[in-house]
Each structure stands twice: as C-alpha cells, then as structure tokens.
Amino acid sequence: MVERREHERVLIRAEVVLRKGVHVERMTARDISIAGAFLETTLFDHIDLKTGSRFDLTLHVDESGPTHAVEDGHTIHAQARIVRREPGGNGHPSGIGVAFEELDDANRERILALVHRNF
C-alpha cells in the first residue's frame, strides 16, 4: 500500500519537548513536514499521550547534521495536537504523529527552510 501525504516529509534528527502545564515529555523527532512531525517514543512510557491532546512543542534541530541547519535559528516552536499513535513493528518505530495547529510566520519559515533544504 502506497502512503499518500498532502505535504512532503523529510527525515530529521531533533530533540522535542512537549509541554502542557507542568507536564513535560521529551522524545526524538524522526521526520517533519510543514503540517506536522512524527516523534519516536515508546508508547508504554507515554500512555498519557492521547490522540487529540494539545501541547506546546519545542523542536531543537541537531546542529551536528549540516543538512539540518536552519539559517535563522535551530529551534522551532508550535502548538501541536496528537493525531495518531503508532505501536511500531515490522521495521517501523513506535511513536506519535503530531499536527502543527498554531505556527507563527517565523517558525513556519524555519520549517520550510528545513524541509526544502533536504530535497
């Protein structure tokens, strides 16, 4: 089955912090598009991360990878909502898919620069 996406995704290595009030979760981004990202994590460790939950997301791009450099900053901030939980298996990692819901112009430009640089 061929997966069809509205927005192209690029592989990335970045640390992600999700915050909701005093609740903080840390994980690793696997890929990103202008619409969202996939965050690798063991779902058992994050059973409280439910589909539909909204968080403040901070993504710290790995600066050691030259193709990941973003000219006007290495940190992306957005409001994000969990849109799916993936259990993993068959060569696919477990984790969560998030959609960016609130993204200001500066952070949108950072993501666009990152995505287009990797094509």
PDB file of N, CA and C in Angstrom:
ATOM      1  N   MET A   1       0.831  -1.176   0.000  1.00  0.00           N
ATOM      2  CA  MET A   1       0.000   0.000   0.000  1.00  0.00           C
ATOM      3  C   MET A   1       0.880   1.246   0.000  1.00  0.00           C
ATOM      4  N   VAL A   2       0.640   2.153  -0.921  1.00  0.00           N
ATOM      5  CA  VAL A   2       1.400   3.383  -1.021  1.00  0.00           C
ATOM      6  C   VAL A   2       0.748   4.432  -0.139  1.00  0.00           C
ATOM      7  N   GLU A   3       1.559   5.046   0.703  1.00  0.00           N
ATOM      8  CA  GLU A   3       1.053   6.081   1.596  1.00  0.00           C
ATOM      9  C   GLU A   3       1.078   7.412   0.865  1.00  0.00           C
ATOM     10  N   ARG A   4      -0.031   8.128   0.872  1.00  0.00           N
ATOM     11  CA  ARG A   4      -0.115   9.424   0.202  1.00  0.00           C
ATOM     12  C   ARG A   4      -0.243  10.506   1.246  1.00  0.00           C
ATOM     13  N   ARG A   5       0.575  11.521   1.112  1.00  0.00           N
ATOM     14  CA  ARG A   5       0.562  12.633   2.053  1.00  0.00           C
ATOM     15  C   ARG A   5       0.376  13.927   1.295  1.00  0.00           C
ATOM     16  N   GLU A   6      -0.298  14.855   1.941  1.00  0.00           N
ATOM     17  CA  GLU A   6      -0.502  16.159   1.336  1.00  0.00           C
ATOM     18  C   GLU A   6       0.795  16.963   1.315  1.00  0.00           C
ATOM     19  N   HIS A   7       1.645  16.787   2.340  1.00  0.00           N
ATOM     20  CA  HIS A   7       2.894  17.538   2.462  1.00  0.00           C
ATOM     21  C   HIS A   7       4.066  16.572   2.510  1.00  0.00           C
ATOM     22  N   GLU A   8       5.139  16.911   1.779  1.00  0.00           N
ATOM     23  CA  GLU A   8       6.340  16.089   1.782  1.00  0.00           C
ATOM     24  C   GLU A   8       6.989  16.102   3.160  1.00  0.00           C
ATOM     25  N   ARG A   9       7.468  14.944   3.562  1.00  0.00           N
ATOM     26  CA  ARG A   9       8.178  14.819   4.834  1.00  0.00           C
ATOM     27  C   ARG A   9       9.652  14.582   4.563  1.00  0.00           C
ATOM     28  N   VAL A  10      10.485  15.073   5.462  1.00  0.00           N
ATOM     29  CA  VAL A  10      11.915  14.814   5.378  1.00  0.00           C
ATOM     30  C   VAL A  10      12.373  14.207   6.691  1.00  0.00           C
ATOM     31  N   LEU A  11      13.349  13.320   6.596  1.00  0.00           N
ATOM     32  CA  LEU A  11      13.927  12.742   7.805  1.00  0.00           C
ATOM     33  C   LEU A  11      14.703  13.825   8.538  1.00  0.00           C
ATOM     34  N   ILE A  12      14.651  13.747   9.842  1.00  0.00           N
ATOM     35  CA  ILE A  12      15.309  14.746  10.677  1.00  0.00           C
ATOM     36  C   ILE A  12      15.738  14.069  11.976  1.00  0.00           C
ATOM     37  N   ARG A  13      16.712  14.661  12.617  1.00  0.00           N
ATOM     38  CA  ARG A  13      17.079  14.219  13.963  1.00  0.00           C
ATOM     39  C   ARG A  13      17.012  15.451  14.846  1.00  0.00           C
ATOM     40  N   ALA A  14      16.064  15.450  15.764  1.00  0.00           N
ATOM     41  CA  ALA A  14      15.874  16.617  16.620  1.00  0.00           C
ATOM     42  C   ALA A  14      15.281  16.184  17.948  1.00  0.00           C
ATOM     43  N   GLU A  15      15.666  16.875  18.998  1.00  0.00           N
ATOM     44  CA  GLU A  15      15.071  16.656  20.317  1.00  0.00           C
ATOM     45  C   GLU A  15      13.784  17.465  20.378  1.00  0.00           C
ATOM     46  N   VAL A  16      12.746  16.863  20.938  1.00  0.00           N
ATOM     47  CA  VAL A  16      11.455  17.533  21.054  1.00  0.00           C
ATOM     48  C   VAL A  16      11.028  17.554  22.513  1.00  0.00           C
ATOM     49  N   VAL A  17      10.507  18.692  22.924  1.00  0.00           N
ATOM     50  CA  VAL A  17       9.927  18.831  24.259  1.00  0.00           C
ATOM     51  C   VAL A  17       8.460  19.189  24.067  1.00  0.00           C
ATOM     52  N   LEU A  18       7.586  18.390  24.677  1.00  0.00           N
ATOM     53  CA  LEU A  18       6.146  18.671  24.683  1.00  0.00           C
ATOM     54  C   LEU A  18       5.779  19.144  26.080  1.00  0.00           C
ATOM     55  N   ARG A  19       5.052  20.273  26.158  1.00  0.00           N
ATOM     56  CA  ARG A  19       4.638  20.823  27.456  1.00  0.00           C
ATOM     57  C   ARG A  19       3.142  21.070  27.462  1.00  0.00           C
ATOM     58  N   LYS A  20       2.537  20.686  28.572  1.00  0.00           N
ATOM     59  CA  LYS A  20       1.128  21.007  28.813  1.00  0.00           C
ATOM     60  C   LYS A  20       1.037  21.307  30.301  1.00  0.00           C
ATOM     61  N   GLY A  21       0.985  22.599  30.636  1.00  0.00           N
ATOM     62  CA  GLY A  21       1.038  22.989  32.045  1.00  0.00           C
ATOM     63  C   GLY A  21       2.382  22.600  32.630  1.00  0.00           C
ATOM     64  N   VAL A  22       2.362  21.835  33.721  1.00  0.00           N
ATOM     65  CA  VAL A  22       3.611  21.399  34.341  1.00  0.00           C
ATOM     66  C   VAL A  22       4.082  20.056  33.780  1.00  0.00           C
ATOM     67  N   HIS A  23       3.281  19.437  32.945  1.00  0.00           N
ATOM     68  CA  HIS A  23       3.600  18.138  32.356  1.00  0.00           C
ATOM     69  C   HIS A  23       4.589  18.337  31.195  1.00  0.00           C
ATOM     70  N   VAL A  24       5.737  17.650  31.253  1.00  0.00           N
ATOM     71  CA  VAL A  24       6.768  17.772  30.218  1.00  0.00           C
ATOM     72  C   VAL A  24       7.168  16.378  29.751  1.00  0.00           C
ATOM     73  N   GLU A  25       7.214  16.192  28.445  1.00  0.00           N
ATOM     74  CA  GLU A  25       7.663  14.937  27.830  1.00  0.00           C
ATOM     75  C   GLU A  25       8.791  15.256  26.856  1.00  0.00           C
ATOM     76  N   ARG A  26       9.795  14.377  26.787  1.00  0.00           N
ATOM     77  CA  ARG A  26      10.911  14.543  25.853  1.00  0.00           C
ATOM     78  C   ARG A  26      10.979  13.316  24.954  1.00  0.00           C
ATOM     79  N   MET A  27      11.244  13.568  23.675  1.00  0.00           N
ATOM     80  CA  MET A  27      11.380  12.484  22.713  1.00  0.00           C
ATOM     81  C   MET A  27      12.184  12.969  21.518  1.00  0.00           C
ATOM     82  N   THR A  28      12.277  12.163  20.470  1.00  0.00           N
ATOM     83  CA  THR A  28      13.064  12.483  19.293  1.00  0.00           C
ATOM     84  C   THR A  28      12.167  12.563  18.069  1.00  0.00           C
ATOM     85  N   ALA A  29      12.344  13.619  17.267  1.00  0.00           N
ATOM     86  CA  ALA A  29      11.611  13.729  16.006  1.00  0.00           C
ATOM     87  C   ALA A  29      12.303  12.850  14.966  1.00  0.00           C
ATOM     88  N   ARG A  30      11.510  12.125  14.194  1.00  0.00           N
ATOM     89  CA  ARG A  30      12.026  11.259  13.128  1.00  0.00           C
ATOM     90  C   ARG A  30      11.877  11.921  11.771  1.00  0.00           C
ATOM     91  N   ASP A  31      10.751  12.600  11.557  1.00  0.00           N
ATOM     92  CA  ASP A  31      10.547  13.321  10.305  1.00  0.00           C
ATOM     93  C   ASP A  31       9.670  14.533  10.560  1.00  0.00           C
ATOM     94  N   ILE A  32       9.660  15.430   9.562  1.00  0.00           N
ATOM     95  CA  ILE A  32       8.913  16.675   9.711  1.00  0.00           C
ATOM     96  C   ILE A  32       8.397  17.121   8.345  1.00  0.00           C
ATOM     97  N   SER A  33       7.271  17.808   8.369  1.00  0.00           N
ATOM     98  CA  SER A  33       6.735  18.488   7.191  1.00  0.00           C
ATOM     99  C   SER A  33       6.185  19.816   7.676  1.00  0.00           C
ATOM    100  N   ILE A  34       5.702  20.629   6.776  1.00  0.00           N
ATOM    101  CA  ILE A  34       5.123  21.906   7.186  1.00  0.00           C
ATOM    102  C   ILE A  34       3.855  21.685   8.014  1.00  0.00           C
ATOM    103  N   ALA A  35       3.245  20.509   7.899  1.00  0.00           N
ATOM    104  CA  ALA A  35       1.994  20.235   8.602  1.00  0.00           C
ATOM    105  C   ALA A  35       2.181  19.551   9.956  1.00  0.00           C
ATOM    106  N   GLY A  36       3.313  18.869  10.168  1.00  0.00           N
ATOM    107  CA  GLY A  36       3.478  18.143  11.417  1.00  0.00           C
ATOM    108  C   GLY A  36       4.766  17.348  11.462  1.00  0.00           C
ATOM    109  N   ALA A  37       4.839  16.426  12.415  1.00  0.00           N
ATOM    110  CA  ALA A  37       6.056  15.632  12.609  1.00  0.00           C
ATOM    111  C   ALA A  37       5.699  14.283  13.214  1.00  0.00           C
ATOM    112  N   PHE A  38       6.628  13.337  13.073  1.00  0.00           N
ATOM    113  CA  PHE A  38       6.497  12.053  13.762  1.00  0.00           C
ATOM    114  C   PHE A  38       7.548  12.019  14.850  1.00  0.00           C
ATOM    115  N   LEU A  39       7.122  11.724  16.078  1.00  0.00           N
ATOM    116  CA  LEU A  39       8.004  11.704  17.238  1.00  0.00           C
ATOM    117  C   LEU A  39       8.154  10.280  17.721  1.00  0.00           C
ATOM    118  N   GLU A  40       9.383   9.795  17.709  1.00  0.00           N
ATOM    119  CA  GLU A  40       9.644   8.425  18.169  1.00  0.00           C
ATOM    120  C   GLU A  40       9.620   8.374  19.684  1.00  0.00           C
ATOM    121  N   THR A  41       8.889   7.410  20.196  1.00  0.00           N
ATOM    122  CA  THR A  41       8.842   7.195  21.636  1.00  0.00           C
ATOM    123  C   THR A  41       8.227   5.831  21.904  1.00  0.00           C
ATOM    124  N   THR A  42       8.505   5.275  23.034  1.00  0.00           N
ATOM    125  CA  THR A  42       7.875   4.029  23.449  1.00  0.00           C
ATOM    126  C   THR A  42       6.514   4.395  24.030  1.00  0.00           C
ATOM    127  N   LEU A  43       5.461   3.952  23.376  1.00  0.00           N
ATOM    128  CA  LEU A  43       4.116   4.354  23.805  1.00  0.00           C
ATOM    129  C   LEU A  43       3.815   3.929  25.231  1.00  0.00           C
ATOM    130  N   PHE A  44       4.364   2.798  25.656  1.00  0.00           N
ATOM    131  CA  PHE A  44       4.140   2.333  27.024  1.00  0.00           C
ATOM    132  C   PHE A  44       4.644   3.364  28.030  1.00  0.00           C
ATOM    133  N   ASP A  45       5.746   4.031  27.692  1.00  0.00           N
ATOM    134  CA  ASP A  45       6.307   5.051  28.584  1.00  0.00           C
ATOM    135  C   ASP A  45       5.473   6.331  28.601  1.00  0.00           C
ATOM    136  N   HIS A  46       4.624   6.505  27.593  1.00  0.00           N
ATOM    137  CA  HIS A  46       3.857   7.741  27.462  1.00  0.00           C
ATOM    138  C   HIS A  46       2.384   7.431  27.228  1.00  0.00           C
ATOM    139  N   ILE A  47       1.835   6.583  28.070  1.00  0.00           N
ATOM    140  CA  ILE A  47       0.441   6.160  27.904  1.00  0.00           C
ATOM    141  C   ILE A  47      -0.522   7.330  28.039  1.00  0.00           C
ATOM    142  N   ASP A  48      -0.082   8.409  28.712  1.00  0.00           N
ATOM    143  CA  ASP A  48      -0.936   9.571  28.909  1.00  0.00           C
ATOM    144  C   ASP A  48      -1.009  10.478  27.679  1.00  0.00           C
ATOM    145  N   LEU A  49      -0.208  10.199  26.660  1.00  0.00           N
ATOM    146  CA  LEU A  49      -0.246  10.994  25.433  1.00  0.00           C
ATOM    147  C   LEU A  49      -1.349  10.440  24.537  1.00  0.00           C
ATOM    148  N   LYS A  50      -2.515  11.010  24.639  1.00  0.00           N
ATOM    149  CA  LYS A  50      -3.701  10.526  23.925  1.00  0.00           C
ATOM    150  C   LYS A  50      -3.911  11.282  22.623  1.00  0.00           C
ATOM    151  N   THR A  51      -4.502  10.609  21.651  1.00  0.00           N
ATOM    152  CA  THR A  51      -4.885  11.259  20.410  1.00  0.00           C
ATOM    153  C   THR A  51      -5.839  12.405  20.738  1.00  0.00           C
ATOM    154  N   GLY A  52      -5.585  13.560  20.136  1.00  0.00           N
ATOM    155  CA  GLY A  52      -6.389  14.746  20.394  1.00  0.00           C
ATOM    156  C   GLY A  52      -5.779  15.685  21.414  1.00  0.00           C
ATOM    157  N   SER A  53      -4.813  15.209  22.209  1.00  0.00           N
ATOM    158  CA  SER A  53      -4.168  16.067  23.210  1.00  0.00           C
ATOM    159  C   SER A  53      -3.378  17.171  22.519  1.00  0.00           C
ATOM    160  N   ARG A  54      -3.402  18.363  23.119  1.00  0.00           N
ATOM    161  CA  ARG A  54      -2.680  19.515  22.581  1.00  0.00           C
ATOM    162  C   ARG A  54      -1.533  19.886  23.520  1.00  0.00           C
ATOM    163  N   PHE A  55      -0.415  20.299  22.900  1.00  0.00           N
ATOM    164  CA  PHE A  55       0.791  20.625  23.651  1.00  0.00           C
ATOM    165  C   PHE A  55       1.490  21.825  23.030  1.00  0.00           C
ATOM    166  N   ASP A  56       2.329  22.476  23.832  1.00  0.00           N
ATOM    167  CA  ASP A  56       3.326  23.406  23.302  1.00  0.00           C
ATOM    168  C   ASP A  56       4.498  22.528  22.899  1.00  0.00           C
ATOM    169  N   LEU A  57       4.951  22.653  21.676  1.00  0.00           N
ATOM    170  CA  LEU A  57       6.041  21.831  21.156  1.00  0.00           C
ATOM    171  C   LEU A  57       7.249  22.714  20.898  1.00  0.00           C
ATOM    172  N   THR A  58       8.406  22.266  21.363  1.00  0.00           N
ATOM    173  CA  THR A  58       9.677  22.906  21.051  1.00  0.00           C
ATOM    174  C   THR A  58      10.558  21.848  20.421  1.00  0.00           C
ATOM    175  N   LEU A  59      11.049  22.131  19.225  1.00  0.00           N
ATOM    176  CA  LEU A  59      11.880  21.187  18.477  1.00  0.00           C
ATOM    177  C   LEU A  59      13.268  21.797  18.339  1.00  0.00           C
ATOM    178  N   HIS A  60      14.288  21.085  18.848  1.00  0.00           N
ATOM    179  CA  HIS A  60      15.679  21.529  18.783  1.00  0.00           C
ATOM    180  C   HIS A  60      16.374  20.704  17.707  1.00  0.00           C
ATOM    181  N   VAL A  61      16.662  21.330  16.574  1.00  0.00           N
ATOM    182  CA  VAL A  61      17.298  20.633  15.462  1.00  0.00           C
ATOM    183  C   VAL A  61      18.722  20.278  15.841  1.00  0.00           C
ATOM    184  N   ASP A  62      19.140  19.053  15.487  1.00  0.00           N
ATOM    185  CA  ASP A  62      20.503  18.590  15.753  1.00  0.00           C
ATOM    186  C   ASP A  62      21.474  19.385  14.885  1.00  0.00           C
ATOM    187  N   GLU A  63      22.259  20.222  15.518  1.00  0.00           N
ATOM    188  CA  GLU A  63      23.169  21.092  14.769  1.00  0.00           C
ATOM    189  C   GLU A  63      24.374  20.354  14.226  1.00  0.00           C
ATOM    190  N   SER A  64      24.606  19.104  14.622  1.00  0.00           N
ATOM    191  CA  SER A  64      25.763  18.371  14.109  1.00  0.00           C
ATOM    192  C   SER A  64      25.527  17.875  12.691  1.00  0.00           C
ATOM    193  N   GLY A  65      24.265  17.887  12.246  1.00  0.00           N
ATOM    194  CA  GLY A  65      23.964  17.474  10.880  1.00  0.00           C
ATOM    195  C   GLY A  65      23.859  18.692   9.995  1.00  0.00           C
ATOM    196  N   PRO A  66      24.837  18.924   9.118  1.00  0.00           N
ATOM    197  CA  PRO A  66      24.847  20.154   8.331  1.00  0.00           C
ATOM    198  C   PRO A  66      23.614  20.335   7.453  1.00  0.00           C
ATOM    199  N   THR A  67      22.985  19.254   7.004  1.00  0.00           N
ATOM    200  CA  THR A  67      21.801  19.401   6.168  1.00  0.00           C
ATOM    201  C   THR A  67      20.601  19.820   6.988  1.00  0.00           C
ATOM    202  N   HIS A  68      20.718  19.799   8.311  1.00  0.00           N
ATOM    203  CA  HIS A  68      19.601  20.182   9.161  1.00  0.00           C
ATOM    204  C   HIS A  68      19.696  21.627   9.628  1.00  0.00           C
ATOM    205  N   ALA A  69      20.746  22.330   9.247  1.00  0.00           N
ATOM    206  CA  ALA A  69      20.917  23.697   9.740  1.00  0.00           C
ATOM    207  C   ALA A  69      19.814  24.598   9.197  1.00  0.00           C
ATOM    208  N   VAL A  70      19.260  25.391  10.074  1.00  0.00           N
ATOM    209  CA  VAL A  70      18.240  26.359   9.688  1.00  0.00           C
ATOM    210  C   VAL A  70      18.882  27.729   9.859  1.00  0.00           C
ATOM    211  N   GLU A  71      18.932  28.508   8.793  1.00  0.00           N
ATOM    212  CA  GLU A  71      19.713  29.739   8.797  1.00  0.00           C
ATOM    213  C   GLU A  71      19.306  30.729   9.875  1.00  0.00           C
ATOM    214  N   ASP A  72      18.035  30.837  10.185  1.00  0.00           N
ATOM    215  CA  ASP A  72      17.625  31.839  11.158  1.00  0.00           C
ATOM    216  C   ASP A  72      17.265  31.232  12.517  1.00  0.00           C
ATOM    217  N   GLY A  73      17.861  30.126  12.849  1.00  0.00           N
ATOM    218  CA  GLY A  73      17.647  29.535  14.162  1.00  0.00           C
ATOM    219  C   GLY A  73      17.505  28.028  14.086  1.00  0.00           C
ATOM    220  N   HIS A  74      17.813  27.368  15.176  1.00  0.00           N
ATOM    221  CA  HIS A  74      17.765  25.905  15.231  1.00  0.00           C
ATOM    222  C   HIS A  74      16.632  25.391  16.098  1.00  0.00           C
ATOM    223  N   THR A  75      15.789  26.275  16.589  1.00  0.00           N
ATOM    224  CA  THR A  75      14.690  25.880  17.450  1.00  0.00           C
ATOM    225  C   THR A  75      13.371  26.294  16.812  1.00  0.00           C
ATOM    226  N   ILE A  76      12.406  25.380  16.845  1.00  0.00           N
ATOM    227  CA  ILE A  76      11.087  25.631  16.278  1.00  0.00           C
ATOM    228  C   ILE A  76      10.064  25.511  17.399  1.00  0.00           C
ATOM    229  N   HIS A  77       9.147  26.473  17.469  1.00  0.00           N
ATOM    230  CA  HIS A  77       8.084  26.468  18.473  1.00  0.00           C
ATOM    231  C   HIS A  77       6.737  26.403  17.762  1.00  0.00           C
ATOM    232  N   ALA A  78       5.819  25.591  18.299  1.00  0.00           N
ATOM    233  CA  ALA A  78       4.484  25.477  17.709  1.00  0.00           C
ATOM    234  C   ALA A  78       3.518  24.926  18.744  1.00  0.00           C
ATOM    235  N   GLN A  79       2.249  25.123  18.486  1.00  0.00           N
ATOM    236  CA  GLN A  79       1.202  24.411  19.207  1.00  0.00           C
ATOM    237  C   GLN A  79       0.939  23.165  18.375  1.00  0.00           C
ATOM    238  N   ALA A  80       0.856  22.010  19.005  1.00  0.00           N
ATOM    239  CA  ALA A  80       0.684  20.763  18.262  1.00  0.00           C
ATOM    240  C   ALA A  80      -0.397  19.905  18.909  1.00  0.00           C
ATOM    241  N   ARG A  81      -1.034  19.090  18.073  1.00  0.00           N
ATOM    242  CA  ARG A  81      -2.066  18.157  18.527  1.00  0.00           C
ATOM    243  C   ARG A  81      -1.670  16.760  18.078  1.00  0.00           C
ATOM    244  N   ILE A  82      -1.825  15.780  18.971  1.00  0.00           N
ATOM    245  CA  ILE A  82      -1.528  14.392  18.626  1.00  0.00           C
ATOM    246  C   ILE A  82      -2.635  13.878  17.722  1.00  0.00           C
ATOM    247  N   VAL A  83      -2.255  13.413  16.527  1.00  0.00           N
ATOM    248  CA  VAL A  83      -3.246  12.933  15.568  1.00  0.00           C
ATOM    249  C   VAL A  83      -3.219  11.418  15.400  1.00  0.00           C
ATOM    250  N   ARG A  84      -2.148  10.778  15.839  1.00  0.00           N
ATOM    251  CA  ARG A  84      -2.122   9.309  15.790  1.00  0.00           C
ATOM    252  C   ARG A  84      -1.054   8.763  16.723  1.00  0.00           C
ATOM    253  N   ARG A  85      -1.278   7.517  17.132  1.00  0.00           N
ATOM    254  CA  ARG A  85      -0.315   6.762  17.946  1.00  0.00           C
ATOM    255  C   ARG A  85       0.043   5.523  17.155  1.00  0.00           C
ATOM    256  N   GLU A  86       1.336   5.289  16.970  1.00  0.00           N
ATOM    257  CA  GLU A  86       1.809   4.147  16.191  1.00  0.00           C
ATOM    258  C   GLU A  86       2.528   3.166  17.112  1.00  0.00           C
ATOM    259  N   PRO A  87       2.075   1.902  17.157  1.00  0.00           N
ATOM    260  CA  PRO A  87       2.700   0.927  18.036  1.00  0.00           C
ATOM    261  C   PRO A  87       4.063   0.445  17.545  1.00  0.00           C
ATOM    262  N   GLY A  88       4.372   0.664  16.272  1.00  0.00           N
ATOM    263  CA  GLY A  88       5.642   0.213  15.715  1.00  0.00           C
ATOM    264  C   GLY A  88       5.583  -1.248  15.308  1.00  0.00           C
ATOM    265  N   GLY A  89       6.696  -1.768  14.865  1.00  0.00           N
ATOM    266  CA  GLY A  89       6.790  -3.149  14.406  1.00  0.00           C
ATOM    267  C   GLY A  89       7.014  -3.212  12.907  1.00  0.00           C
ATOM    268  N   ASN A  90       7.475  -4.358  12.449  1.00  0.00           N
ATOM    269  CA  ASN A  90       7.773  -4.564  11.027  1.00  0.00           C
ATOM    270  C   ASN A  90       8.695  -3.488  10.469  1.00  0.00           C
ATOM    271  N   GLY A  91       9.707  -3.138  11.228  1.00  0.00           N
ATOM    272  CA  GLY A  91      10.678  -2.147  10.776  1.00  0.00           C
ATOM    273  C   GLY A  91      10.263  -0.703  10.968  1.00  0.00           C
ATOM    274  N   HIS A  92       9.090  -0.466  11.528  1.00  0.00           N
ATOM    275  CA  HIS A  92       8.616   0.893  11.765  1.00  0.00           C
ATOM    276  C   HIS A  92       8.717   1.221  13.253  1.00  0.00           C
ATOM    277  N   PRO A  93       9.149   2.436  13.590  1.00  0.00           N
ATOM    278  CA  PRO A  93       9.283   2.807  15.001  1.00  0.00           C
ATOM    279  C   PRO A  93       7.928   3.099  15.647  1.00  0.00           C
ATOM    280  N   SER A  94       7.893   2.987  16.956  1.00  0.00           N
ATOM    281  CA  SER A  94       6.692   3.394  17.681  1.00  0.00           C
ATOM    282  C   SER A  94       6.788   4.879  17.983  1.00  0.00           C
ATOM    283  N   GLY A  95       5.640   5.510  18.117  1.00  0.00           N
ATOM    284  CA  GLY A  95       5.654   6.925  18.445  1.00  0.00           C
ATOM    285  C   GLY A  95       4.319   7.574  18.176  1.00  0.00           C
ATOM    286  N   ILE A  96       4.356   8.900  18.067  1.00  0.00           N
ATOM    287  CA  ILE A  96       3.138   9.672  17.851  1.00  0.00           C
ATOM    288  C   ILE A  96       3.307  10.614  16.665  1.00  0.00           C
ATOM    289  N   GLY A  97       2.220  10.806  15.942  1.00  0.00           N
ATOM    290  CA  GLY A  97       2.180  11.804  14.885  1.00  0.00           C
ATOM    291  C   GLY A  97       1.511  13.044  15.432  1.00  0.00           C
ATOM    292  N   VAL A  98       2.134  14.201  15.208  1.00  0.00           N
ATOM    293  CA  VAL A  98       1.549  15.451  15.668  1.00  0.00           C
ATOM    294  C   VAL A  98       1.305  16.372  14.484  1.00  0.00           C
ATOM    295  N   ALA A  99       0.238  17.140  14.578  1.00  0.00           N
ATOM    296  CA  ALA A  99      -0.077  18.165  13.586  1.00  0.00           C
ATOM    297  C   ALA A  99       0.189  19.521  14.210  1.00  0.00           C
ATOM    298  N   PHE A 100       0.839  20.400  13.459  1.00  0.00           N
ATOM    299  CA  PHE A 100       1.047  21.755  13.937  1.00  0.00           C
ATOM    300  C   PHE A 100      -0.266  22.513  13.786  1.00  0.00           C
ATOM    301  N   GLU A 101      -0.744  23.107  14.877  1.00  0.00           N
ATOM    302  CA  GLU A 101      -2.010  23.839  14.832  1.00  0.00           C
ATOM    303  C   GLU A 101      -1.815  25.332  14.859  1.00  0.00           C
ATOM    304  N   GLU A 102      -0.860  25.785  15.601  1.00  0.00           N
ATOM    305  CA  GLU A 102      -0.565  27.214  15.646  1.00  0.00           C
ATOM    306  C   GLU A 102       0.918  27.366  15.384  1.00  0.00           C
ATOM    307  N   LEU A 103       1.210  28.094  14.301  1.00  0.00           N
ATOM    308  CA  LEU A 103       2.589  28.257  13.864  1.00  0.00           C
ATOM    309  C   LEU A 103       2.731  29.684  13.345  1.00  0.00           C
ATOM    310  N   ASP A 104       3.560  30.490  14.019  1.00  0.00           N
ATOM    311  CA  ASP A 104       3.726  31.863  13.542  1.00  0.00           C
ATOM    312  C   ASP A 104       4.605  31.877  12.298  1.00  0.00           C
ATOM    313  N   ASP A 105       4.694  33.044  11.667  1.00  0.00           N
ATOM    314  CA  ASP A 105       5.422  33.152  10.399  1.00  0.00           C
ATOM    315  C   ASP A 105       6.887  32.777  10.531  1.00  0.00           C
ATOM    316  N   ALA A 106       7.541  33.205  11.604  1.00  0.00           N
ATOM    317  CA  ALA A 106       8.966  32.919  11.775  1.00  0.00           C
ATOM    318  C   ALA A 106       9.219  31.415  11.893  1.00  0.00           C
ATOM    319  N   ASN A 107       8.397  30.715  12.666  1.00  0.00           N
ATOM    320  CA  ASN A 107       8.578  29.268  12.828  1.00  0.00           C
ATOM    321  C   ASN A 107       8.178  28.514  11.570  1.00  0.00           C
ATOM    322  N   ARG A 108       7.166  28.992  10.854  1.00  0.00           N
ATOM    323  CA  ARG A 108       6.785  28.391   9.569  1.00  0.00           C
ATOM    324  C   ARG A 108       7.948  28.496   8.582  1.00  0.00           C
ATOM    325  N   GLU A 109       8.609  29.654   8.553  1.00  0.00           N
ATOM    326  CA  GLU A 109       9.754  29.850   7.653  1.00  0.00           C
ATOM    327  C   GLU A 109      10.912  28.921   8.024  1.00  0.00           C
ATOM    328  N   ARG A 110      11.134  28.710   9.313  1.00  0.00           N
ATOM    329  CA  ARG A 110      12.194  27.787   9.742  1.00  0.00           C
ATOM    330  C   ARG A 110      11.910  26.370   9.248  1.00  0.00           C
ATOM    331  N   ILE A 111      10.651  25.934   9.388  1.00  0.00           N
ATOM    332  CA  ILE A 111      10.295  24.588   8.929  1.00  0.00           C
ATOM    333  C   ILE A 111      10.423  24.490   7.408  1.00  0.00           C
ATOM    334  N   LEU A 112       9.938  25.494   6.695  1.00  0.00           N
ATOM    335  CA  LEU A 112      10.049  25.474   5.236  1.00  0.00           C
ATOM    336  C   LEU A 112      11.506  25.414   4.793  1.00  0.00           C
ATOM    337  N   ALA A 113      12.375  26.197   5.433  1.00  0.00           N
ATOM    338  CA  ALA A 113      13.799  26.168   5.091  1.00  0.00           C
ATOM    339  C   ALA A 113      14.384  24.779   5.347  1.00  0.00           C
ATOM    340  N   LEU A 114      13.999  24.183   6.440  1.00  0.00           N
ATOM    341  CA  LEU A 114      14.484  22.847   6.788  1.00  0.00           C
ATOM    342  C   LEU A 114      14.001  21.800   5.794  1.00  0.00           C
ATOM    343  N   VAL A 115      12.732  21.826   5.464  1.00  0.00           N
ATOM    344  CA  VAL A 115      12.156  20.834   4.544  1.00  0.00           C
ATOM    345  C   VAL A 115      12.739  21.006   3.154  1.00  0.00           C
ATOM    346  N   HIS A 116      12.808  22.232   2.649  1.00  0.00           N
ATOM    347  CA  HIS A 116      13.297  22.454   1.284  1.00  0.00           C
ATOM    348  C   HIS A 116      14.792  22.212   1.151  1.00  0.00           C
ATOM    349  N   ARG A 117      15.538  22.410   2.191  1.00  0.00           N
ATOM    350  CA  ARG A 117      16.977  22.161   2.145  1.00  0.00           C
ATOM    351  C   ARG A 117      17.270  20.674   1.951  1.00  0.00           C
ATOM    352  N   ASN A 118      16.367  19.823   2.395  1.00  0.00           N
ATOM    353  CA  ASN A 118      16.593  18.382   2.335  1.00  0.00           C
ATOM    354  C   ASN A 118      16.102  17.745   1.029  1.00  0.00           C
ATOM    355  N   PHE A 119      15.610  18.517   0.076  1.00  0.00           N
ATOM    356  CA  PHE A 119      15.199  17.973  -1.220  1.00  0.00           C
ATOM    357  C   PHE A 119      16.295  18.108  -2.221  1.00  0.00           C
TER     358      PHE A 119
END
